[in-house]
């Protein structure tokens, strides 16, 4: 998701959340059913994340 609008309160919340937590859960669903997995991430510049997924995990 991208936006050209900037909201300082949202930006501050995002920065604080990313600084405190380096893992999250990523979930999706499709014709094969639902999928969820824990992921690690690292910041790679302002508002850019690199996700590390483990193949085959989460089913």
PDB file of N, CA and C in Angstrom:
ATOM      1  N   UNK A   1       0.841  -1.155   0.000  1.00  0.00           N
ATOM      2  CA  UNK A   1       0.000   0.000   0.000  1.00  0.00           C
ATOM      3  C   UNK A   1       0.895   1.228   0.000  1.00  0.00           C
ATOM      4  N   UNK A   2       0.578   2.177  -0.827  1.00  0.00           N
ATOM      5  CA  UNK A   2       1.330   3.427  -0.855  1.00  0.00           C
ATOM      6  C   UNK A   2       0.355   4.590  -0.806  1.00  0.00           C
ATOM      7  N   UNK A   3       0.851   5.705  -0.380  1.00  0.00           N
ATOM      8  CA  UNK A   3       0.049   6.918  -0.348  1.00  0.00           C
ATOM      9  C   UNK A   3       0.966   8.123  -0.485  1.00  0.00           C
ATOM     10  N   UNK A   4       0.436   9.176  -1.031  1.00  0.00           N
ATOM     11  CA  UNK A   4       1.217  10.403  -1.143  1.00  0.00           C
ATOM     12  C   UNK A   4       0.946  11.326   0.036  1.00  0.00           C
ATOM     13  N   UNK A   5      -0.053  10.998   0.850  1.00  0.00           N
ATOM     14  CA  UNK A   5      -0.368  11.805   2.022  1.00  0.00           C
ATOM     15  C   UNK A   5       0.571  11.449   3.168  1.00  0.00           C
ATOM     16  N   UNK A   6       0.917  12.429   3.969  1.00  0.00           N
ATOM     17  CA  UNK A   6       1.766  12.202   5.135  1.00  0.00           C
ATOM     18  C   UNK A   6       0.995  12.628   6.370  1.00  0.00           C
ATOM     19  N   UNK A   7       0.940  11.742   7.344  1.00  0.00           N
ATOM     20  CA  UNK A   7       0.286  12.024   8.603  1.00  0.00           C
ATOM     21  C   UNK A   7       1.340  11.862   9.689  1.00  0.00           C
ATOM     22  N   UNK A   8       1.767  12.948  10.319  1.00  0.00           N
ATOM     23  CA  UNK A   8       2.843  12.858  11.317  1.00  0.00           C
ATOM     24  C   UNK A   8       2.533  11.901  12.468  1.00  0.00           C
ATOM     25  N   UNK A   9       1.296  11.831  12.925  1.00  0.00           N
ATOM     26  CA  UNK A   9       0.941  10.936  14.027  1.00  0.00           C
ATOM     27  C   UNK A   9       1.093   9.475  13.604  1.00  0.00           C
ATOM     28  N   UNK A  10       0.675   9.145  12.395  1.00  0.00           N
ATOM     29  CA  UNK A  10       0.803   7.788  11.881  1.00  0.00           C
ATOM     30  C   UNK A  10       2.273   7.452  11.670  1.00  0.00           C
ATOM     31  N   UNK A  11       3.027   8.391  11.149  1.00  0.00           N
ATOM     32  CA  UNK A  11       4.462   8.185  10.926  1.00  0.00           C
ATOM     33  C   UNK A  11       5.181   7.893  12.237  1.00  0.00           C
ATOM     34  N   UNK A  12       4.870   8.641  13.273  1.00  0.00           N
ATOM     35  CA  UNK A  12       5.487   8.430  14.583  1.00  0.00           C
ATOM     36  C   UNK A  12       5.118   7.073  15.152  1.00  0.00           C
ATOM     37  N   UNK A  13       3.840   6.692  15.048  1.00  0.00           N
ATOM     38  CA  UNK A  13       3.402   5.383  15.522  1.00  0.00           C
ATOM     39  C   UNK A  13       4.110   4.258  14.777  1.00  0.00           C
ATOM     40  N   UNK A  14       4.232   4.386  13.472  1.00  0.00           N
ATOM     41  CA  UNK A  14       4.919   3.390  12.653  1.00  0.00           C
ATOM     42  C   UNK A  14       6.375   3.247  13.072  1.00  0.00           C
ATOM     43  N   UNK A  15       7.074   4.345  13.215  1.00  0.00           N
ATOM     44  CA  UNK A  15       8.484   4.315  13.594  1.00  0.00           C
ATOM     45  C   UNK A  15       8.679   3.687  14.973  1.00  0.00           C
ATOM     46  N   UNK A  16       7.822   4.015  15.936  1.00  0.00           N
ATOM     47  CA  UNK A  16       7.924   3.449  17.285  1.00  0.00           C
ATOM     48  C   UNK A  16       7.637   1.950  17.271  1.00  0.00           C
ATOM     49  N   UNK A  17       6.624   1.538  16.521  1.00  0.00           N
ATOM     50  CA  UNK A  17       6.274   0.116  16.433  1.00  0.00           C
ATOM     51  C   UNK A  17       7.405  -0.683  15.813  1.00  0.00           C
ATOM     52  N   UNK A  18       7.970  -0.196  14.726  1.00  0.00           N
ATOM     53  CA  UNK A  18       9.063  -0.911  14.058  1.00  0.00           C
ATOM     54  C   UNK A  18      10.319  -0.958  14.912  1.00  0.00           C
ATOM     55  N   UNK A  19      10.566   0.078  15.687  1.00  0.00           N
ATOM     56  CA  UNK A  19      11.747   0.099  16.552  1.00  0.00           C
ATOM     57  C   UNK A  19      11.632  -0.918  17.686  1.00  0.00           C
ATOM     58  N   UNK A  20      10.418  -1.181  18.150  1.00  0.00           N
ATOM     59  CA  UNK A  20      10.206  -2.080  19.290  1.00  0.00           C
ATOM     60  C   UNK A  20      10.010  -3.538  18.902  1.00  0.00           C
ATOM     61  N   UNK A  21       9.581  -3.793  17.681  1.00  0.00           N
ATOM     62  CA  UNK A  21       9.228  -5.154  17.276  1.00  0.00           C
ATOM     63  C   UNK A  21       9.914  -5.489  15.956  1.00  0.00           C
ATOM     64  N   UNK A  22      10.639  -6.592  15.927  1.00  0.00           N
ATOM     65  CA  UNK A  22      11.320  -7.024  14.696  1.00  0.00           C
ATOM     66  C   UNK A  22      10.714  -8.298  14.121  1.00  0.00           C
ATOM     67  N   UNK A  23       9.571  -8.693  14.659  1.00  0.00           N
ATOM     68  CA  UNK A  23       8.843  -9.836  14.119  1.00  0.00           C
ATOM     69  C   UNK A  23       7.369  -9.462  13.986  1.00  0.00           C
ATOM     70  N   UNK A  24       6.686 -10.164  13.116  1.00  0.00           N
ATOM     71  CA  UNK A  24       5.248  -9.976  12.960  1.00  0.00           C
ATOM     72  C   UNK A  24       4.676 -11.249  12.351  1.00  0.00           C
ATOM     73  N   UNK A  25       3.364 -11.339  12.306  1.00  0.00           N
ATOM     74  CA  UNK A  25       2.701 -12.447  11.632  1.00  0.00           C
ATOM     75  C   UNK A  25       2.141 -11.948  10.317  1.00  0.00           C
ATOM     76  N   UNK A  26       2.351 -12.719   9.283  1.00  0.00           N
ATOM     77  CA  UNK A  26       1.844 -12.414   7.952  1.00  0.00           C
ATOM     78  C   UNK A  26       0.825 -13.497   7.621  1.00  0.00           C
ATOM     79  N   UNK A  27      -0.376 -13.091   7.209  1.00  0.00           N
ATOM     80  CA  UNK A  27      -1.436 -14.057   6.924  1.00  0.00           C
ATOM     81  C   UNK A  27      -2.114 -13.721   5.599  1.00  0.00           C
ATOM     82  N   UNK A  28      -2.559 -14.763   4.916  1.00  0.00           N
ATOM     83  CA  UNK A  28      -3.296 -14.600   3.666  1.00  0.00           C
ATOM     84  C   UNK A  28      -4.158 -15.839   3.462  1.00  0.00           C
ATOM     85  N   UNK A  29      -4.999 -15.819   2.463  1.00  0.00           N
ATOM     86  CA  UNK A  29      -5.795 -17.006   2.140  1.00  0.00           C
ATOM     87  C   UNK A  29      -6.030 -17.042   0.639  1.00  0.00           C
ATOM     88  N   UNK A  30      -6.282 -18.231   0.147  1.00  0.00           N
ATOM     89  CA  UNK A  30      -6.524 -18.427  -1.277  1.00  0.00           C
ATOM     90  C   UNK A  30      -7.266 -19.724  -1.501  1.00  0.00           C
ATOM     91  N   UNK A  31      -7.238 -20.215  -2.713  1.00  0.00           N
ATOM     92  CA  UNK A  31      -7.974 -21.431  -3.047  1.00  0.00           C
ATOM     93  C   UNK A  31      -7.456 -22.657  -2.301  1.00  0.00           C
ATOM     94  N   UNK A  32      -6.198 -22.630  -1.858  1.00  0.00           N
ATOM     95  CA  UNK A  32      -5.630 -23.748  -1.096  1.00  0.00           C
ATOM     96  C   UNK A  32      -5.886 -23.625   0.402  1.00  0.00           C
ATOM     97  N   UNK A  33      -6.556 -22.582   0.815  1.00  0.00           N
ATOM     98  CA  UNK A  33      -6.839 -22.373   2.232  1.00  0.00           C
ATOM     99  C   UNK A  33      -6.071 -21.190   2.790  1.00  0.00           C
ATOM    100  N   UNK A  34      -6.065 -21.085   4.100  1.00  0.00           N
ATOM    101  CA  UNK A  34      -5.398 -19.957   4.745  1.00  0.00           C
ATOM    102  C   UNK A  34      -3.934 -20.289   5.033  1.00  0.00           C
ATOM    103  N   UNK A  35      -3.157 -19.265   5.240  1.00  0.00           N
ATOM    104  CA  UNK A  35      -1.730 -19.402   5.505  1.00  0.00           C
ATOM    105  C   UNK A  35      -1.338 -18.305   6.477  1.00  0.00           C
ATOM    106  N   UNK A  36      -0.557 -18.668   7.472  1.00  0.00           N
ATOM    107  CA  UNK A  36      -0.029 -17.692   8.413  1.00  0.00           C
ATOM    108  C   UNK A  36       1.368 -18.137   8.831  1.00  0.00           C
ATOM    109  N   UNK A  37       2.252 -17.183   8.999  1.00  0.00           N
ATOM    110  CA  UNK A  37       3.611 -17.514   9.416  1.00  0.00           C
ATOM    111  C   UNK A  37       4.226 -16.316  10.115  1.00  0.00           C
ATOM    112  N   UNK A  38       5.067 -16.608  11.076  1.00  0.00           N
ATOM    113  CA  UNK A  38       5.846 -15.547  11.691  1.00  0.00           C
ATOM    114  C   UNK A  38       6.952 -15.121  10.743  1.00  0.00           C
ATOM    115  N   UNK A  39       7.231 -13.844  10.686  1.00  0.00           N
ATOM    116  CA  UNK A  39       8.291 -13.329   9.822  1.00  0.00           C
ATOM    117  C   UNK A  39       9.182 -12.381  10.621  1.00  0.00           C
ATOM    118  N   UNK A  40      10.430 -12.347  10.247  1.00  0.00           N
ATOM    119  CA  UNK A  40      11.377 -11.365  10.765  1.00  0.00           C
ATOM    120  C   UNK A  40      11.502 -10.274   9.711  1.00  0.00           C
ATOM    121  N   UNK A  41      11.788  -9.071  10.146  1.00  0.00           N
ATOM    122  CA  UNK A  41      12.000  -8.010   9.183  1.00  0.00           C
ATOM    123  C   UNK A  41      13.111  -7.084   9.648  1.00  0.00           C
ATOM    124  N   UNK A  42      13.698  -6.406   8.698  1.00  0.00           N
ATOM    125  CA  UNK A  42      14.717  -5.401   8.975  1.00  0.00           C
ATOM    126  C   UNK A  42      14.390  -4.164   8.159  1.00  0.00           C
ATOM    127  N   UNK A  43      14.653  -3.023   8.725  1.00  0.00           N
ATOM    128  CA  UNK A  43      14.431  -1.783   7.996  1.00  0.00           C
ATOM    129  C   UNK A  43      15.573  -1.577   7.009  1.00  0.00           C
ATOM    130  N   UNK A  44      15.234  -1.194   5.796  1.00  0.00           N
ATOM    131  CA  UNK A  44      16.214  -0.958   4.732  1.00  0.00           C
ATOM    132  C   UNK A  44      15.984   0.438   4.162  1.00  0.00           C
ATOM    133  N   UNK A  45      15.962   1.409   5.054  1.00  0.00           N
ATOM    134  CA  UNK A  45      15.684   2.772   4.649  1.00  0.00           C
ATOM    135  C   UNK A  45      14.329   3.220   5.176  1.00  0.00           C
ATOM    136  N   UNK A  46      14.029   4.492   5.027  1.00  0.00           N
ATOM    137  CA  UNK A  46      12.755   5.021   5.518  1.00  0.00           C
ATOM    138  C   UNK A  46      11.567   4.318   4.856  1.00  0.00           C
ATOM    139  N   UNK A  47      10.697   3.773   5.683  1.00  0.00           N
ATOM    140  CA  UNK A  47       9.461   3.131   5.235  1.00  0.00           C
ATOM    141  C   UNK A  47       9.700   1.997   4.243  1.00  0.00           C
ATOM    142  N   UNK A  48      10.824   1.298   4.383  1.00  0.00           N
ATOM    143  CA  UNK A  48      11.104   0.145   3.521  1.00  0.00           C
ATOM    144  C   UNK A  48      11.557  -1.014   4.400  1.00  0.00           C
ATOM    145  N   UNK A  49      10.848  -2.145   4.292  1.00  0.00           N
ATOM    146  CA  UNK A  49      11.151  -3.314   5.105  1.00  0.00           C
ATOM    147  C   UNK A  49      11.610  -4.461   4.237  1.00  0.00           C
ATOM    148  N   UNK A  50      12.514  -5.270   4.774  1.00  0.00           N
ATOM    149  CA  UNK A  50      12.932  -6.514   4.139  1.00  0.00           C
ATOM    150  C   UNK A  50      12.389  -7.642   5.015  1.00  0.00           C
ATOM    151  N   UNK A  51      11.541  -8.503   4.449  1.00  0.00           N
ATOM    152  CA  UNK A  51      10.958  -9.611   5.186  1.00  0.00           C
ATOM    153  C   UNK A  51      11.771 -10.876   4.974  1.00  0.00           C
ATOM    154  N   UNK A  52      11.922 -11.674   6.034  1.00  0.00           N
ATOM    155  CA  UNK A  52      12.609 -12.961   5.955  1.00  0.00           C
ATOM    156  C   UNK A  52      11.575 -14.032   6.267  1.00  0.00           C
ATOM    157  N   UNK A  53      11.264 -14.863   5.274  1.00  0.00           N
ATOM    158  CA  UNK A  53      10.280 -15.931   5.416  1.00  0.00           C
ATOM    159  C   UNK A  53      10.976 -17.278   5.396  1.00  0.00           C
ATOM    160  N   UNK A  54      10.477 -18.214   6.156  1.00  0.00           N
ATOM    161  CA  UNK A  54      11.000 -19.576   6.127  1.00  0.00           C
ATOM    162  C   UNK A  54      10.107 -20.408   5.230  1.00  0.00           C
ATOM    163  N   UNK A  55      10.631 -20.949   4.168  1.00  0.00           N
ATOM    164  CA  UNK A  55       9.862 -21.723   3.205  1.00  0.00           C
ATOM    165  C   UNK A  55       9.218 -22.935   3.860  1.00  0.00           C
ATOM    166  N   UNK A  56       7.937 -23.151   3.553  1.00  0.00           N
ATOM    167  CA  UNK A  56       7.223 -24.318   4.055  1.00  0.00           C
ATOM    168  C   UNK A  56       6.685 -24.175   5.454  1.00  0.00           C
ATOM    169  N   UNK A  57       6.898 -23.064   6.093  1.00  0.00           N
ATOM    170  CA  UNK A  57       6.417 -22.867   7.459  1.00  0.00           C
ATOM    171  C   UNK A  57       4.995 -22.331   7.459  1.00  0.00           C
ATOM    172  N   UNK A  58       4.284 -22.610   8.526  1.00  0.00           N
ATOM    173  CA  UNK A  58       3.009 -21.943   8.747  1.00  0.00           C
ATOM    174  C   UNK A  58       1.764 -22.690   8.342  1.00  0.00           C
ATOM    175  N   UNK A  59       1.845 -23.784   7.672  1.00  0.00           N
ATOM    176  CA  UNK A  59       0.621 -24.502   7.259  1.00  0.00           C
ATOM    177  C   UNK A  59       0.177 -25.449   8.329  1.00  0.00           C
TER     178      UNK A  59
END
